[in-house]
Protein backbone atom coordinates (compact mmCIF):
# COMPACT_ATOMS: atom_id res chain seq x y z
CA UNK A 1 0.49 -10.53 -5.42
CA UNK A 2 4.15 -11.15 -4.62
CA UNK A 3 5.90 -7.99 -3.39
CA UNK A 4 2.74 -5.88 -3.02
CA UNK A 5 3.00 -5.04 0.64
CA UNK A 6 0.65 -5.56 3.54
CA UNK A 7 -0.23 -2.00 4.51
CA UNK A 8 -0.92 -2.08 8.19
CA UNK A 9 1.64 -4.64 9.30
CA UNK A 10 4.40 -2.53 7.80
CA UNK A 11 3.26 0.62 9.58
CA UNK A 12 2.83 -0.90 13.02
CA UNK A 13 6.13 -2.75 13.41
CA UNK A 14 8.70 -0.58 15.16
CA UNK A 15 10.92 1.31 12.75
CA UNK A 16 13.77 0.83 15.23
CA UNK A 17 14.14 -2.71 13.89
CA UNK A 18 15.67 -1.31 10.73
CA UNK A 19 18.33 1.13 9.64
CA UNK A 20 16.85 3.77 7.36
CA UNK A 21 18.08 3.76 3.78
CA UNK A 22 20.74 6.32 2.97
CA UNK A 23 19.93 9.41 0.96
CA UNK A 24 21.01 9.31 -2.67
CA UNK A 25 23.02 11.98 -4.45
CA UNK A 26 22.67 12.91 -8.09
CA UNK A 27 26.27 11.87 -8.93
CA UNK A 28 26.23 8.70 -6.83
CA UNK A 29 27.29 5.58 -8.83
CA UNK A 30 24.75 3.69 -6.74
CA UNK A 31 22.08 5.51 -8.79
CA UNK A 32 23.09 3.86 -12.06
CA UNK A 33 19.91 3.46 -14.11
CA UNK A 34 17.65 4.87 -11.38
CA UNK A 35 14.19 6.02 -12.55
CA UNK A 36 12.72 9.48 -11.99
CA UNK A 37 10.43 10.24 -9.05
CA UNK A 38 6.81 10.98 -10.09
CA UNK A 39 7.08 8.78 -13.17
CA UNK A 40 4.00 6.70 -13.98
CA UNK A 41 3.85 3.18 -15.41
CA UNK A 42 1.17 0.97 -16.92
CA UNK A 43 2.14 -2.30 -15.25
CA UNK A 44 0.20 -5.54 -14.96
CA UNK A 45 -0.10 -7.48 -11.68
CA UNK A 46 2.50 -9.92 -13.03
CA UNK A 47 4.93 -7.10 -13.74
CA UNK A 48 4.35 -5.62 -10.29
CA UNK A 49 5.31 -9.04 -8.94
CA UNK A 50 8.72 -8.82 -10.61
CA UNK A 51 12.01 -7.78 -9.03
CA UNK A 52 12.62 -4.90 -11.46
CA UNK A 53 10.70 -2.77 -13.97
CA UNK A 54 11.48 -3.36 -17.64
CA UNK A 55 8.81 -1.01 -19.00
CA UNK A 56 9.20 2.61 -20.03
CA UNK A 57 7.19 5.21 -18.08
CA UNK A 58 4.02 6.67 -19.56
CA UNK A 59 2.47 10.13 -19.35
CA UNK A 60 0.68 10.42 -15.98
CA UNK A 61 -2.25 12.03 -17.81
CA UNK A 62 -2.82 8.70 -19.60
CA UNK A 63 -3.96 5.39 -18.02
CA UNK A 64 -1.40 4.04 -15.54
CA UNK A 65 -1.35 1.60 -12.62
CA UNK A 66 1.71 2.69 -10.61
CA UNK A 67 3.29 6.00 -9.69
CA UNK A 68 6.86 6.22 -8.46
CA UNK A 69 7.02 8.29 -5.25
CA UNK A 70 10.57 7.77 -3.99
CA UNK A 71 14.01 6.42 -4.87
CA UNK A 72 16.18 5.30 -1.96
CA UNK A 73 19.23 3.08 -1.55
CA UNK A 74 20.17 0.02 0.42
CA UNK A 75 22.18 0.76 3.57
CA UNK A 76 25.80 -0.36 3.59
CA UNK A 77 25.18 -3.49 5.66
CA UNK A 78 22.90 -4.98 2.96
CA UNK A 79 23.54 -6.10 -0.59
CA UNK A 80 21.50 -7.55 -3.43
CA UNK A 81 23.04 -10.95 -2.70
CA UNK A 82 21.06 -11.10 0.54
CA UNK A 83 19.86 -12.01 3.00
CA UNK A 84 16.80 -11.58 0.76
CA UNK A 85 14.34 -11.28 3.66
CA UNK A 86 16.35 -8.41 5.16
CA UNK A 87 16.62 -6.63 1.81
CA UNK A 88 12.89 -6.87 1.14
CA UNK A 89 12.02 -5.80 4.68
CA UNK A 90 14.27 -2.76 4.32
CA UNK A 91 12.62 -1.73 1.06
CA UNK A 92 9.18 -2.36 2.53
CA UNK A 93 9.70 -0.06 5.50
CA UNK A 94 11.39 2.68 3.53
CA UNK A 95 8.66 2.68 0.89
CA UNK A 96 5.91 2.85 3.48
CA UNK A 97 7.69 5.72 5.18
CA UNK A 98 7.78 7.50 1.82
CA UNK A 99 4.06 6.86 1.35
CA UNK A 100 3.17 8.19 4.80
CA UNK A 101 5.26 11.31 4.25
CA UNK A 102 3.58 12.04 0.92
CA UNK A 103 -0.02 10.96 1.49
CA UNK A 104 -0.62 11.17 5.23
CA UNK A 105 -0.10 9.11 8.42
CA UNK A 106 -3.75 8.33 9.26
CA UNK A 107 -3.80 4.55 9.52
CA UNK A 108 -7.58 4.37 9.91
CA UNK A 109 -8.08 6.22 6.65
CA UNK A 110 -5.42 4.04 5.06
CA UNK A 111 -7.50 1.02 6.11
CA UNK A 112 -10.46 2.62 4.33
CA UNK A 113 -8.45 2.98 1.13
CA UNK A 114 -7.12 0.51 -1.42
CA UNK A 115 -3.68 2.10 -1.43
CA UNK A 116 -0.66 -0.13 -1.24
CA UNK A 117 2.96 0.13 -2.34
CA UNK A 118 5.28 -1.95 -4.49
CA UNK A 119 9.05 -1.74 -4.68
CA UNK A 120 11.62 -2.60 -7.33
CA UNK A 121 15.39 -2.88 -7.51
CA UNK A 122 17.84 -2.45 -10.41
CA UNK A 123 18.13 -5.15 -13.02
CA UNK A 124 21.12 -7.52 -13.18
CA UNK A 125 23.19 -5.28 -15.47
CA UNK A 126 22.57 -2.22 -13.30
CA UNK A 127 23.50 -4.17 -10.17
CA UNK A 128 26.71 -5.29 -11.83
CA UNK A 129 27.48 -1.62 -12.52
CA UNK A 130 27.13 -0.83 -8.81
CA UNK A 131 23.50 0.25 -8.57
CA UNK A 132 22.10 0.14 -5.02
CA UNK A 133 18.88 2.10 -5.51
CA UNK A 134 15.35 0.86 -5.18
CA UNK A 135 12.13 2.55 -6.25
CA UNK A 136 8.86 2.90 -4.34
CA UNK A 137 5.57 2.90 -6.25
CA UNK A 138 1.99 3.56 -5.17
CA UNK A 139 -0.61 1.09 -6.41
CA UNK A 140 -4.36 0.77 -5.85
CA UNK A 141 -5.74 -2.76 -5.52
CA UNK A 142 -8.98 -4.13 -6.88
CA UNK A 143 -10.30 -7.63 -6.26
CA UNK A 144 -9.03 -8.81 -9.65
CA UNK A 145 -5.82 -6.83 -10.03
CA UNK A 146 -4.59 -3.25 -10.20
CA UNK A 147 -6.83 -0.22 -10.64
CA UNK A 148 -5.99 2.68 -12.91
CA UNK A 149 -4.69 5.51 -10.74
CA UNK A 150 -6.23 8.96 -10.57
CA UNK A 151 -3.99 11.88 -11.39
CA UNK A 152 -3.05 13.44 -9.07
CA UNK A 153 -3.20 10.85 -6.31
CA UNK A 154 -5.36 12.09 -3.41
CA UNK A 155 -4.02 12.28 0.13
CA UNK A 156 -5.64 10.17 2.81
CA UNK A 157 -8.82 11.77 4.16
CA UNK A 158 -12.34 10.90 5.28
CA UNK A 159 -13.66 11.69 1.80
CA UNK A 160 -11.61 9.55 -0.54
CA UNK A 161 -12.75 9.38 -4.17
CA UNK A 162 -14.22 6.12 -5.45
CA UNK A 163 -11.05 5.45 -7.44
CA UNK A 164 -9.09 4.73 -4.23
CA UNK A 165 -11.76 4.20 -1.53
CA UNK A 166 -12.44 0.72 -0.15
CA UNK A 167 -15.60 -1.18 -0.97
CA UNK A 168 -16.41 -4.88 -0.78
CA UNK A 169 -17.77 -7.16 -3.47
CA UNK A 170 -20.81 -9.35 -2.91
CA UNK A 171 -18.40 -12.13 -1.94
CA UNK A 172 -16.69 -9.88 0.63
CA UNK A 173 -13.49 -9.21 -1.35
CA UNK A 174 -11.78 -5.83 -1.04
CA UNK A 175 -11.95 -3.62 -4.13
CA UNK A 176 -12.28 0.05 -5.02
CA UNK A 177 -15.64 1.79 -4.93
CA UNK A 178 -15.21 2.53 -8.64
CA UNK A 179 -15.46 -1.23 -9.22
CA UNK A 180 -18.64 -3.30 -8.87
CA UNK A 181 -19.39 -3.63 -5.15
CA UNK A 182 -22.06 -4.38 -2.55
CA UNK A 183 -20.64 -2.70 0.56
CA UNK A 184 -19.01 0.71 1.08
CA UNK A 185 -16.61 1.63 3.88
CA UNK A 186 -18.31 4.01 6.30
CA UNK A 187 -16.07 4.02 9.37
CA UNK A 188 -12.96 2.45 10.92
CA UNK A 189 -11.84 2.45 14.53
CA UNK A 190 -9.27 0.98 16.90
CA UNK A 191 -10.27 -1.62 19.48
CA UNK A 192 -8.26 -3.20 22.25
CA UNK A 193 -8.02 -6.84 23.25
CA UNK A 194 -7.24 -10.06 21.45
CA UNK A 195 -8.60 -10.11 17.91
CA UNK A 196 -10.71 -13.25 18.24
CA UNK A 197 -13.86 -13.61 16.16
CA UNK A 198 -15.92 -13.28 19.35
CA UNK A 199 -14.23 -10.07 20.49
CA UNK A 200 -14.27 -8.49 17.04
CA UNK A 201 -17.95 -9.29 16.54
CA UNK A 202 -18.81 -7.85 19.94
CA UNK A 203 -17.18 -4.47 19.30
CA UNK A 204 -18.45 -4.34 15.71
CA UNK A 205 -22.05 -4.86 16.90
CA UNK A 206 -21.60 -2.10 19.44
CA UNK A 207 -20.16 0.48 17.06
CA UNK A 208 -20.97 -0.24 13.43
CA UNK A 209 -24.79 0.12 13.49
CA UNK A 210 -24.31 3.73 14.67
CA UNK A 211 -21.81 4.50 11.90
CA UNK A 212 -23.64 3.29 8.81
CA UNK A 213 -26.66 4.78 7.05
CA UNK A 214 -28.28 1.48 6.07
CA UNK A 215 -30.13 -1.17 8.05
CA UNK A 216 -27.79 -3.88 6.77
CA UNK A 217 -24.09 -3.56 7.61
CA UNK A 218 -20.89 -5.55 7.36
CA UNK A 219 -17.54 -5.49 9.12
CA UNK A 220 -13.90 -6.47 8.59
CA UNK A 221 -10.91 -6.33 10.88
CA UNK A 222 -7.11 -6.21 10.86
CA UNK A 223 -5.05 -7.54 13.76
CA UNK A 224 -2.14 -5.33 14.84
CA UNK A 225 0.94 -5.97 16.99
CA UNK A 226 0.00 -5.95 20.66
CA UNK A 227 -3.56 -6.24 21.88
CA UNK A 228 -4.97 -3.86 19.28
CA UNK A 229 -6.97 -4.30 16.12
CA UNK A 230 -8.83 -2.20 13.58
CA UNK A 231 -12.50 -2.76 12.75
CA UNK A 232 -14.02 -1.47 9.53
CA UNK A 233 -17.77 -0.83 9.21
CA UNK A 234 -19.54 -1.01 5.83
CA UNK A 235 -22.91 0.23 4.62
CA UNK A 236 -25.02 -1.71 2.12
CA UNK A 237 -25.01 -0.41 -1.42
CA UNK A 238 -26.37 -1.67 -4.71
CA UNK A 239 -23.79 -0.38 -7.15
């Protein structure tokens, strides 16, 4: 989905590459039309792929697919006219920083979750009125779209509920453990070296059989900047 961010790449690139977004004040014209933090929305994947939100918030006690966790603003050296890549990178980093602050910095547990973030800017009329805010939303991904979010959203931990925990379908696609699945995340760890299929398989065979409770097991991996990668180990399940 366009604009739903890659979790681990965003967290492992040095934050020094970017200037943090400026804090927003309640009477700041740059906040024209800004939404309220902790609002919930029932958005479709197509709507999450848009540049702005044109839906009204819903009660967080009712079904919803995104929760707004932060409102920030573009720094002075950027504008909505571009460069687009720099604007989107800025929003990406600031939204992931907001997620980490709210839900925990444990990247291994993040890998074992289906959490991601989406970000939205003001619409054309709000931009014309001087709006410079952008909003950061938490989403949970399933193999065929967005999952309904639990309320409240749980922090990252070793015992994530099925509604946000990572499982794999029979075809090996990532989804939540509340969805139909064949493999359940049991462990994740860092490994060093180049993330070739040979190297990943070698370390997975060494570690994963000791970390799962079933004879059959599965593994995935995520390459990281530098000679580091994450390996995820999965136990067989028949749910």
